[in-house]
Amino acid sequence: MNKTVLLVEDEQRLREIVSDYFASEGFEVLEAEDGKQALALFEAHEIDLIVLDIMLPEIDGWSVCRRVRKESVVPIIMLTARSDEEDTLLGFELGADEYVTKPFSPKVLVARAKTLLKRAEGSVGQEENMLSMSGIEVNKLSRTVIADGNEVILTHKEFELLVYLMENKGIVLSRQHLLNQLWGYDYYGDDRTVDTHIKKLRSKLGEKANHITTVIRVGYKFEE
């Protein structure tokens, strides 16, 4: 795929196995065994995807994710040995795009990574690459968002969510529909994943947040 993945995992054997699976699918793999090394590699290379364990030496995965999100919308898949729902929600709040619980199939992980990358590039090549509604301007080619003349920095999933809402303006979209369309039918999260991303998106849109309205007990819609 000619893509570079940064694999951050302190368990050497697991890191080697996952790295081999990514390499066999054509990825260039950069490996880090702790958070400090991960951030150094991120600053030094063009990274297309990060696979990030939470429990790391030096700097934990939460902190790595937070620092990456301050300067990049690169897709992030977080790995954890826990299935705690609060951990999952925190990961999404920090800007993670996917969440995988150990033990997992490396083959499935690579497949999900490829799907995530395809979604990140999905708007390229469409005939209409600009959206402009109610003072919000979206360029799907450059993946930039301008609200009232100010650039808004969104994560990959927040950007997808905003575009989908705008492209379906006036239509009530259920939480389950949004999960299926943006996270995929094989995603095992619950409705609160959507709520968390809507909350973050609204906070970044500021005064323009009121165009994303809540339809009680159903979902959300974009209104001009």
Protein backbone atom coordinates (compact mmCIF):
# COMPACT_ATOMS: atom_id res chain seq x y z
CA MET A 1 0.00 0.00 0.00
CA ASN A 2 3.09 2.24 0.20
CA LYS A 3 1.94 3.44 3.60
CA THR A 4 3.99 3.87 6.74
CA VAL A 5 2.62 2.56 10.03
CA LEU A 6 4.09 3.44 13.41
CA LEU A 7 3.65 0.41 15.66
CA VAL A 8 3.99 1.25 19.36
CA GLU A 9 4.01 -1.85 21.58
CA ASP A 10 6.28 -2.77 24.49
CA GLU A 11 5.74 -6.54 24.22
CA GLN A 12 8.52 -7.51 21.84
CA ARG A 13 7.05 -10.78 20.57
CA LEU A 14 3.65 -9.23 19.87
CA ARG A 15 5.29 -6.25 18.18
CA GLU A 16 7.30 -8.56 15.92
CA ILE A 17 4.24 -10.60 14.94
CA VAL A 18 2.09 -7.57 14.15
CA SER A 19 4.98 -5.92 12.30
CA ASP A 20 5.39 -9.00 10.10
CA TYR A 21 1.68 -8.98 9.22
CA PHE A 22 1.79 -5.31 8.22
CA ALA A 23 4.99 -5.79 6.22
CA SER A 24 3.47 -8.75 4.36
CA GLU A 25 0.67 -6.41 3.20
CA GLY A 26 3.10 -3.89 1.77
CA PHE A 27 3.37 -1.47 4.69
CA GLU A 28 6.59 0.13 5.83
CA VAL A 29 6.69 -0.44 9.58
CA LEU A 30 8.42 1.72 12.16
CA GLU A 31 8.57 0.15 15.61
CA ALA A 32 8.67 1.78 19.04
CA GLU A 33 8.80 0.03 22.40
CA ASP A 34 7.85 3.02 24.54
CA GLY A 35 6.03 6.33 24.28
CA LYS A 36 9.15 8.46 24.19
CA GLN A 37 10.56 6.56 21.23
CA ALA A 38 7.17 6.70 19.51
CA LEU A 39 7.01 10.48 19.67
CA ALA A 40 10.57 10.78 18.37
CA LEU A 41 9.75 8.58 15.37
CA PHE A 42 6.52 10.48 14.75
CA GLU A 43 8.41 13.77 14.60
CA ALA A 44 11.09 12.36 12.30
CA HIS A 45 8.98 10.53 9.72
CA GLU A 46 5.87 10.89 7.57
CA ILE A 47 3.42 8.56 9.30
CA ASP A 48 0.16 7.38 7.69
CA LEU A 49 -1.19 5.33 10.60
CA ILE A 50 -0.37 4.76 14.26
CA VAL A 51 -1.10 1.52 16.13
CA LEU A 52 -0.68 2.52 19.75
CA ASP A 53 -0.69 0.42 22.91
CA ILE A 54 -1.97 2.16 26.05
CA MET A 55 0.27 0.66 28.72
CA LEU A 56 3.74 1.82 27.73
CA PRO A 57 7.01 2.64 29.53
CA GLU A 58 8.29 6.23 29.68
CA ILE A 59 5.15 7.91 28.28
CA ASP A 60 1.81 6.09 28.23
CA GLY A 61 -0.43 5.69 25.19
CA TRP A 62 -2.96 8.25 26.42
CA SER A 63 -0.27 10.93 26.51
CA VAL A 64 1.16 9.93 23.14
CA CYS A 65 -2.29 10.13 21.56
CA ARG A 66 -2.96 13.53 23.12
CA ARG A 67 0.35 14.96 21.91
CA VAL A 68 -0.03 13.57 18.39
CA ARG A 69 -3.53 15.03 18.12
CA LYS A 70 -2.23 18.51 18.89
CA GLU A 71 -0.48 18.58 15.52
CA SER A 72 -1.88 15.81 13.32
CA VAL A 73 -5.07 14.04 12.23
CA VAL A 74 -3.21 10.81 11.36
CA PRO A 75 -5.50 7.80 11.99
CA ILE A 76 -4.83 6.11 15.36
CA ILE A 77 -5.77 2.59 16.43
CA MET A 78 -5.36 2.08 20.17
CA LEU A 79 -4.56 -1.31 21.72
CA THR A 80 -5.44 -2.31 25.27
CA ALA A 81 -5.44 -5.41 27.44
CA ARG A 82 -8.61 -4.14 29.12
CA SER A 83 -12.16 -4.03 27.82
CA ASP A 84 -13.18 -1.27 30.22
CA GLU A 85 -15.82 0.94 28.58
CA GLU A 86 -14.42 4.04 30.26
CA ASP A 87 -11.02 3.35 28.69
CA THR A 88 -12.68 3.12 25.30
CA LEU A 89 -14.52 6.40 25.73
CA LEU A 90 -11.37 8.15 26.94
CA GLY A 91 -9.51 6.91 23.89
CA PHE A 92 -12.13 8.37 21.58
CA GLU A 93 -12.22 11.63 23.52
CA LEU A 94 -8.46 11.96 23.03
CA GLY A 95 -8.89 11.49 19.30
CA ALA A 96 -8.38 7.78 18.62
CA ASP A 97 -10.19 6.44 15.54
CA GLU A 98 -10.37 2.76 16.44
CA TYR A 99 -10.00 0.70 19.60
CA VAL A 100 -8.84 -2.95 19.70
CA THR A 101 -8.82 -5.13 22.82
CA LYS A 102 -6.17 -7.79 23.40
CA PRO A 103 -6.00 -10.62 22.53
CA PHE A 104 -6.69 -9.86 18.89
CA SER A 105 -6.01 -11.36 15.48
CA PRO A 106 -3.10 -9.53 13.78
CA LYS A 107 -4.72 -10.36 10.43
CA VAL A 108 -7.96 -8.65 11.50
CA LEU A 109 -6.00 -5.69 12.90
CA VAL A 110 -4.28 -5.16 9.54
CA ALA A 111 -7.62 -5.44 7.73
CA ARG A 112 -9.15 -2.79 10.00
CA ALA A 113 -6.10 -0.58 9.46
CA LYS A 114 -6.49 -0.85 5.68
CA THR A 115 -10.18 0.00 5.94
CA LEU A 116 -9.42 3.01 8.12
CA LEU A 117 -6.86 4.30 5.63
CA LYS A 118 -9.30 3.86 2.75
CA ARG A 119 -11.89 5.88 4.64
CA ALA A 120 -9.31 8.58 5.32
CA GLU A 121 -8.76 8.91 1.56
CA GLY A 122 -12.35 8.27 0.53
CA SER A 123 -13.18 11.83 -0.51
CA VAL A 124 -10.35 12.06 -3.07
CA GLY A 125 -11.57 11.77 -6.63
CA GLN A 126 -15.16 12.75 -5.96
CA GLU A 127 -16.54 15.30 -8.37
CA GLU A 128 -17.64 17.65 -5.63
CA ASN A 129 -14.88 18.24 -3.09
CA MET A 130 -16.16 21.38 -1.37
CA LEU A 131 -18.98 21.80 1.11
CA SER A 132 -20.14 25.21 2.29
CA MET A 133 -23.07 25.65 4.63
CA SER A 134 -23.94 28.17 7.31
CA GLY A 135 -20.43 29.61 7.53
CA ILE A 136 -18.76 26.18 7.63
CA GLU A 137 -16.49 25.39 4.68
CA VAL A 138 -15.07 21.91 4.13
CA ASN A 139 -12.44 20.94 1.57
CA LYS A 140 -12.56 17.17 1.25
CA LEU A 141 -9.35 17.00 -0.78
CA SER A 142 -7.18 18.86 1.70
CA ARG A 143 -9.38 17.71 4.63
CA THR A 144 -9.57 21.22 6.04
CA VAL A 145 -12.48 22.87 7.84
CA ILE A 146 -13.06 26.61 8.11
CA ALA A 147 -15.73 28.00 10.45
CA ASP A 148 -16.36 31.76 10.33
CA GLY A 149 -12.96 32.25 8.71
CA ASN A 150 -11.05 30.24 11.32
CA GLU A 151 -9.48 26.84 10.66
CA VAL A 152 -10.86 24.04 12.81
CA ILE A 153 -8.55 21.09 13.50
CA LEU A 154 -10.52 17.84 13.52
CA THR A 155 -9.51 14.22 13.95
CA HIS A 156 -10.08 11.83 11.08
CA LYS A 157 -13.35 10.53 12.56
CA GLU A 158 -14.62 13.99 13.52
CA PHE A 159 -14.00 15.14 9.95
CA GLU A 160 -15.87 12.15 8.52
CA LEU A 161 -18.75 12.78 10.89
CA LEU A 162 -19.06 16.46 9.97
CA VAL A 163 -18.93 15.71 6.23
CA TYR A 164 -21.56 12.99 6.51
CA LEU A 165 -23.89 15.21 8.52
CA MET A 166 -23.49 18.09 6.07
CA GLU A 167 -23.97 15.89 3.01
CA ASN A 168 -27.21 14.65 4.59
CA LYS A 169 -28.42 18.03 5.85
CA GLY A 170 -31.96 18.08 7.17
CA ILE A 171 -32.06 14.29 7.49
CA VAL A 172 -32.28 12.72 10.95
CA LEU A 173 -29.47 10.17 11.24
CA SER A 174 -29.73 7.58 13.99
CA ARG A 175 -26.72 6.73 16.13
CA GLN A 176 -26.73 3.18 14.79
CA HIS A 177 -26.80 4.46 11.20
CA LEU A 178 -23.81 6.70 11.89
CA LEU A 179 -21.94 3.82 13.53
CA ASN A 180 -22.58 1.58 10.53
CA GLN A 181 -21.62 4.22 7.95
CA LEU A 182 -18.56 5.70 9.64
CA TRP A 183 -17.22 2.93 11.88
CA GLY A 184 -18.37 -0.06 9.85
CA TYR A 185 -20.88 -2.85 10.37
CA ASP A 186 -18.28 -4.97 12.20
CA TYR A 187 -17.66 -2.28 14.81
CA TYR A 188 -18.47 -3.46 18.34
CA GLY A 189 -18.81 -0.11 20.10
CA ASP A 190 -22.09 1.31 21.36
CA ASP A 191 -24.11 4.46 20.69
CA ARG A 192 -22.08 6.50 23.16
CA THR A 193 -19.18 6.41 20.70
CA VAL A 194 -21.23 8.65 18.41
CA ASP A 195 -22.28 10.90 21.30
CA THR A 196 -18.66 11.36 22.36
CA HIS A 197 -17.57 12.36 18.85
CA ILE A 198 -20.52 14.73 18.43
CA LYS A 199 -19.61 16.40 21.73
CA LYS A 200 -15.99 16.89 20.64
CA LEU A 201 -17.05 18.12 17.19
CA ARG A 202 -19.45 20.67 18.66
CA SER A 203 -16.82 21.96 21.07
CA LYS A 204 -14.44 22.61 18.17
CA LEU A 205 -17.06 24.28 15.97
CA GLY A 206 -17.83 26.85 18.67
CA GLU A 207 -20.76 29.08 17.70
CA LYS A 208 -21.41 26.91 14.65
CA ALA A 209 -22.13 23.90 16.85
CA ASN A 210 -25.83 24.76 16.94
CA HIS A 211 -26.18 23.55 13.35
CA ILE A 212 -25.71 20.00 14.62
CA THR A 213 -28.99 19.35 16.40
CA THR A 214 -29.98 16.48 18.65
CA VAL A 215 -33.16 14.58 17.91
CA ILE A 216 -34.13 13.10 21.27
CA ARG A 217 -34.05 9.29 21.45
CA VAL A 218 -33.12 9.09 17.76
CA GLY A 219 -29.87 10.74 16.72
CA TYR A 220 -28.59 13.89 15.03
CA LYS A 221 -29.03 16.09 11.96
CA PHE A 222 -27.34 19.08 10.37
CA GLU A 223 -29.55 22.12 9.92
CA GLU A 224 -28.77 25.33 8.05
